[in-house]
Protein backbone atom coordinates (compact mmCIF):
# COMPACT_ATOMS: atom_id res chain seq x y z
CA MET A 1 -0.05 -0.08 0.09
CA THR A 2 1.22 3.71 -0.94
CA THR A 3 0.08 6.43 0.91
CA LEU A 4 -0.21 10.00 -1.01
CA SER A 5 -0.98 13.62 0.70
CA VAL A 6 -3.17 15.82 -1.50
CA LYS A 7 -5.58 19.18 -0.92
CA SER A 8 -8.61 18.54 -0.02
CA LYS A 9 -10.05 20.28 -3.11
CA LEU A 10 -7.98 18.12 -5.46
CA LYS A 11 -9.19 14.84 -6.59
CA ALA A 12 -6.80 11.64 -6.94
CA GLU A 13 -6.33 10.72 -10.39
CA SER A 14 -7.11 6.61 -11.14
CA HIS A 15 -3.70 5.17 -11.92
CA SER A 16 -4.96 2.25 -13.58
CA SER A 17 -8.22 0.91 -14.69
CA SER A 18 -7.46 -2.29 -12.25
CA SER A 19 -6.56 0.07 -9.12
CA ARG A 20 -8.89 1.26 -6.69
CA SER A 21 -8.62 4.44 -4.80
CA THR A 22 -10.01 5.73 -1.44
CA GLN A 23 -10.73 9.31 -0.59
CA VAL A 24 -11.10 9.93 3.16
CA LYS A 25 -12.71 13.72 3.70
CA ALA A 26 -10.87 16.00 6.23
CA PRO A 27 -11.96 19.39 7.74
CA GLU A 28 -11.32 22.06 5.52
CA GLY A 29 -7.89 23.58 4.98
CA LYS A 30 -6.35 20.31 6.33
CA GLU A 31 -4.52 17.53 3.96
CA GLU A 32 -6.55 14.41 3.22
CA LYS A 33 -4.75 11.28 2.50
CA VAL A 34 -5.31 8.67 -0.18
CA LEU A 35 -4.58 5.08 -0.23
CA ILE A 36 -3.92 3.77 -3.99
CA PRO A 37 -3.40 -0.02 -3.65
CA TYR A 38 -0.96 -0.85 -6.54
CA SER A 39 -2.21 -3.90 -8.21
CA VAL A 40 0.47 -6.72 -8.97
CA THR A 41 0.42 -8.25 -12.77
CA PRO A 42 1.99 -11.88 -12.83
CA LEU A 43 5.03 -12.10 -14.55
CA CYS A 44 5.02 -8.11 -15.31
CA LEU A 45 6.94 -4.97 -13.94
CA GLN A 46 5.00 -1.60 -13.80
CA ARG A 47 7.00 1.13 -15.24
CA GLY A 48 4.50 3.58 -15.85
CA ARG A 49 1.21 4.64 -16.70
CA GLY A 50 0.71 2.19 -19.96
CA GLU A 51 3.90 0.96 -19.86
CA THR A 52 4.87 -2.84 -18.69
CA SER A 53 7.63 -5.00 -19.31
CA THR A 54 8.28 -9.20 -19.16
CA MET A 55 10.17 -10.33 -16.03
CA SER A 56 13.45 -12.27 -16.68
CA LEU A 57 13.09 -15.75 -15.99
CA PRO A 58 15.62 -18.20 -15.35
CA PRO A 59 16.88 -19.98 -18.32
CA THR A 60 15.96 -23.84 -19.08
CA LEU A 61 18.89 -25.71 -18.03
CA GLN A 62 20.42 -29.29 -18.94
CA VAL A 63 20.55 -30.78 -15.72
CA THR A 64 21.81 -34.07 -16.38
CA PRO A 65 25.93 -34.22 -15.79
CA ARG A 66 27.73 -34.36 -18.38
CA ILE A 67 31.23 -35.10 -18.90
CA SER A 68 34.19 -35.76 -21.29
CA TYR A 69 37.32 -38.21 -20.40
CA THR A 70 39.87 -40.14 -21.46
CA ILE A 71 41.17 -43.61 -20.15
CA PRO A 72 44.30 -45.24 -21.12
CA TYR A 73 44.77 -49.09 -21.72
CA ARG A 74 47.20 -51.50 -22.00
CA ILE A 75 46.54 -54.72 -24.69
CA THR A 76 48.05 -57.53 -22.48
CA SER A 77 48.10 -59.67 -25.52
CA ALA A 78 47.53 -59.77 -28.95
CA ILE A 79 43.77 -59.46 -30.11
CA SER A 80 42.42 -60.03 -33.45
CA GLY A 81 38.84 -58.74 -33.61
CA GLY A 82 37.89 -58.35 -30.29
CA SER A 83 34.43 -57.09 -29.52
CA VAL A 84 33.67 -53.65 -27.78
CA THR A 85 30.05 -53.68 -26.44
CA TRP A 86 28.56 -50.55 -24.84
CA ALA A 87 28.22 -51.83 -21.61
CA SER A 88 31.97 -52.00 -21.74
CA LEU A 89 32.35 -48.65 -23.20
CA ALA A 90 29.78 -47.12 -20.05
CA GLY A 91 32.11 -49.53 -17.79
CA ALA A 92 35.23 -47.45 -18.65
CA LEU A 93 33.47 -44.53 -16.57
CA GLY A 94 33.64 -46.87 -13.58
CA VAL A 95 30.73 -49.31 -11.87
CA ILE A 96 30.00 -49.95 -8.50
CA ALA A 97 29.63 -53.46 -7.56
CA THR A 98 26.26 -54.86 -6.23
CA SER A 99 28.02 -58.44 -5.54
CA SER A 100 30.48 -60.57 -6.57
CA SER A 101 29.18 -61.27 -10.18
CA SER A 102 27.50 -57.88 -10.79
CA ALA A 103 27.92 -53.97 -11.07
CA SER A 104 25.92 -50.87 -12.15
CA THR A 105 27.19 -48.08 -14.29
CA LEU A 106 27.35 -44.59 -13.72
CA CYS A 107 26.67 -43.19 -16.74
CA SER A 108 23.08 -43.94 -18.88
CA SER A 109 24.28 -42.84 -22.59
CA LEU A 110 27.42 -42.02 -24.28
CA PHE A 111 29.16 -41.46 -27.67
CA VAL A 112 33.13 -42.23 -28.65
CA ARG A 113 35.27 -38.84 -29.97
CA LYS A 114 38.09 -41.06 -30.96
CA VAL A 115 40.46 -43.83 -30.23
CA THR A 116 44.29 -43.32 -30.25
CA VAL A 117 46.73 -46.40 -30.09
CA TRP A 118 50.45 -46.45 -29.76
CA LEU A 119 51.81 -49.64 -31.43
CA PRO A 120 54.99 -51.49 -29.68
CA SER A 121 58.40 -51.15 -31.85
CA THR A 122 58.24 -54.70 -33.68
CA THR A 123 59.29 -55.33 -37.49
CA SER A 124 55.43 -55.57 -37.93
CA SER A 125 52.35 -54.41 -36.19
CA GLU A 126 48.65 -54.32 -37.31
CA CYS A 127 45.98 -52.50 -35.57
CA ILE A 128 42.39 -52.39 -37.40
CA LEU A 129 39.30 -51.27 -35.65
CA ASP A 130 36.02 -51.69 -37.63
CA TRP A 131 33.40 -49.52 -36.94
CA VAL A 132 29.53 -51.24 -36.52
CA SER A 133 27.25 -48.96 -38.78
CA ALA A 134 24.20 -47.71 -36.97
CA LEU A 135 21.79 -48.74 -40.34
CA THR A 136 21.43 -52.37 -41.27
CA ALA A 137 19.18 -52.41 -44.25
CA PHE A 138 19.50 -49.11 -46.28
CA VAL A 139 23.59 -49.38 -46.79
CA PRO A 140 26.14 -50.80 -49.48
CA ASP A 141 28.34 -53.65 -48.78
CA GLU A 142 31.84 -52.18 -48.14
CA SER A 143 34.51 -52.04 -45.94
CA ARG A 144 37.52 -49.94 -45.68
CA VAL A 145 40.90 -50.90 -44.63
CA SER A 146 44.00 -49.14 -43.46
CA ALA A 147 47.25 -51.10 -43.46
CA ILE A 148 51.01 -50.72 -42.25
CA PRO A 149 53.65 -52.13 -44.69
CA ASP A 150 56.37 -54.48 -43.49
CA GLY A 151 59.51 -53.54 -42.43
CA ILE A 152 57.80 -49.87 -40.86
CA SER A 153 57.88 -49.00 -37.67
CA VAL A 154 55.05 -46.58 -36.50
CA THR A 155 56.44 -44.30 -33.86
CA ARG A 156 53.79 -42.09 -33.85
CA ALA A 157 49.83 -42.67 -32.74
CA LEU A 158 47.17 -44.11 -34.89
CA VAL A 159 44.18 -42.04 -34.46
CA PHE A 160 40.81 -43.40 -35.62
CA THR A 161 37.33 -41.24 -35.31
CA PRO A 162 34.17 -43.06 -35.59
CA PRO A 163 32.92 -42.71 -39.28
CA ARG A 164 29.23 -40.69 -39.94
CA LYS A 165 26.63 -43.17 -39.38
CA SER A 166 28.38 -45.46 -37.12
CA LEU A 167 26.70 -46.06 -34.00
CA ALA A 168 29.95 -45.19 -31.98
CA SER A 169 29.28 -41.68 -33.41
CA LEU A 170 25.89 -41.34 -32.04
CA TRP A 171 24.41 -41.07 -28.61
CA MET A 172 23.73 -44.52 -27.10
CA ASN A 173 22.18 -45.70 -24.23
CA SER A 174 21.67 -49.15 -22.16
CA ALA A 175 19.45 -50.34 -25.36
CA LEU A 176 22.71 -51.45 -26.85
CA ALA A 177 23.96 -52.87 -23.61
CA THR A 178 25.24 -55.84 -25.37
CA THR A 179 25.45 -54.81 -28.77
CA PRO A 180 29.27 -54.45 -30.20
CA ILE A 181 29.97 -50.83 -31.32
CA PHE A 182 33.36 -51.77 -32.81
CA SER A 183 36.03 -54.36 -32.79
CA ILE A 184 39.73 -53.97 -32.70
CA SER A 185 42.61 -55.80 -33.58
CA ALA A 186 46.24 -54.69 -32.53
CA PRO A 187 49.94 -56.23 -30.82
CA GLU A 188 50.07 -57.22 -27.44
CA GLY A 189 51.92 -54.24 -25.99
CA SER A 190 49.90 -51.63 -27.62
CA ILE A 191 48.68 -48.72 -25.81
CA LEU A 192 45.13 -47.36 -26.35
CA HIS A 193 43.17 -44.19 -24.86
CA LEU A 194 39.61 -44.14 -25.41
CA SER A 195 38.09 -40.66 -25.76
CA MET A 196 34.29 -40.29 -24.83
CA GLN A 197 31.34 -37.86 -23.69
CA ALA A 198 28.68 -39.38 -21.34
CA ARG A 199 25.83 -38.61 -19.25
CA LEU A 200 25.56 -39.54 -15.55
CA CYS A 201 22.36 -41.18 -15.00
CA ASN A 202 19.11 -39.29 -14.25
CA VAL A 203 16.06 -40.26 -16.22
CA GLU A 204 17.72 -43.21 -16.86
CA GLY A 205 18.58 -45.63 -14.17
CA PRO A 206 21.92 -47.62 -14.06
CA THR A 207 22.93 -50.56 -16.20
CA THR A 208 23.76 -54.09 -14.17
CA VAL A 209 26.91 -55.50 -15.90
CA SER A 210 28.09 -58.98 -15.05
CA VAL A 211 31.80 -58.93 -13.82
CA SER A 212 33.94 -61.95 -12.30
CA GLY A 213 35.39 -61.86 -8.93
CA ALA A 214 33.82 -58.22 -7.62
CA THR A 215 33.70 -57.06 -4.06
CA ALA A 216 30.28 -55.65 -3.27
CA GLY A 217 30.45 -51.57 -2.42
CA LYS A 218 33.89 -51.38 -4.18
CA MET A 219 34.35 -49.26 -7.91
CA TYR A 220 36.14 -50.99 -10.44
CA TYR A 221 36.87 -49.73 -13.97
CA LEU A 222 36.05 -52.29 -16.54
CA PRO A 223 38.72 -54.01 -19.28
CA LEU A 224 37.58 -52.72 -22.93
CA ASP A 225 36.89 -55.67 -24.68
CA THR A 226 34.86 -58.76 -23.37
CA GLY A 227 37.45 -60.94 -23.32
CA SER A 228 39.67 -58.72 -20.62
CA VAL A 229 42.63 -58.10 -22.51
CA ILE A 230 42.03 -54.52 -22.80
CA VAL A 231 42.79 -53.64 -19.15
CA PRO A 232 42.67 -49.76 -17.94
CA LEU A 233 45.79 -48.25 -16.53
CA GLY A 234 46.48 -46.83 -12.69
CA LEU A 235 42.58 -47.60 -12.08
CA PRO A 236 41.18 -50.38 -10.11
CA THR A 237 39.72 -53.16 -12.24
CA VAL A 238 37.69 -56.54 -12.39
CA ALA A 239 37.52 -59.09 -15.31
CA LEU A 240 34.13 -59.39 -17.16
């Protein structure tokens, strides 16, 4: 409520059609007080007569935590066509063991940015990544191969980026838990860096994955392949 002082012979003007004014009579020569309650318009601020502005509302935010991370691995023995599933990719971020044979993932969705491989210094080394296509019925029959000639030692890293329309290049959730995302062939002693982006569980709950020899309540980082040959470096792990 706002109080205005005016002379007895003056009349208070109406401030708005929605406001009401009450005039109290006073003796001659004295001031009278007019009480004018200001109406409150939702979501608007009153500037002056006939002028309003929209109130600034908080922006819409993506509240599901989104993280980017890179996990280092060592290939403990030569691998040929080792399958990498969504569950093992999710396990790269970490899982919480619920029993000796099962664990729950921390993330609910993810996609692969790139895979970087450093080969050991041998006379002949081969490294192949085969990306699984997201399309199965409307794609031509094709296979793209990049090979290293014999006698050439590779000292720089090999960087593999998921091609367009591959599963790894798209956001994937637990509906693909047991689906192979890509396969890898590489010699023993290779070092692999997996770069991904993921979202932690929010609307979708954690996914249960099978493990072997875990301790309930502990956190582990899973091997990258289903054969537990590609193991994380510097992190507690458990076999799949």
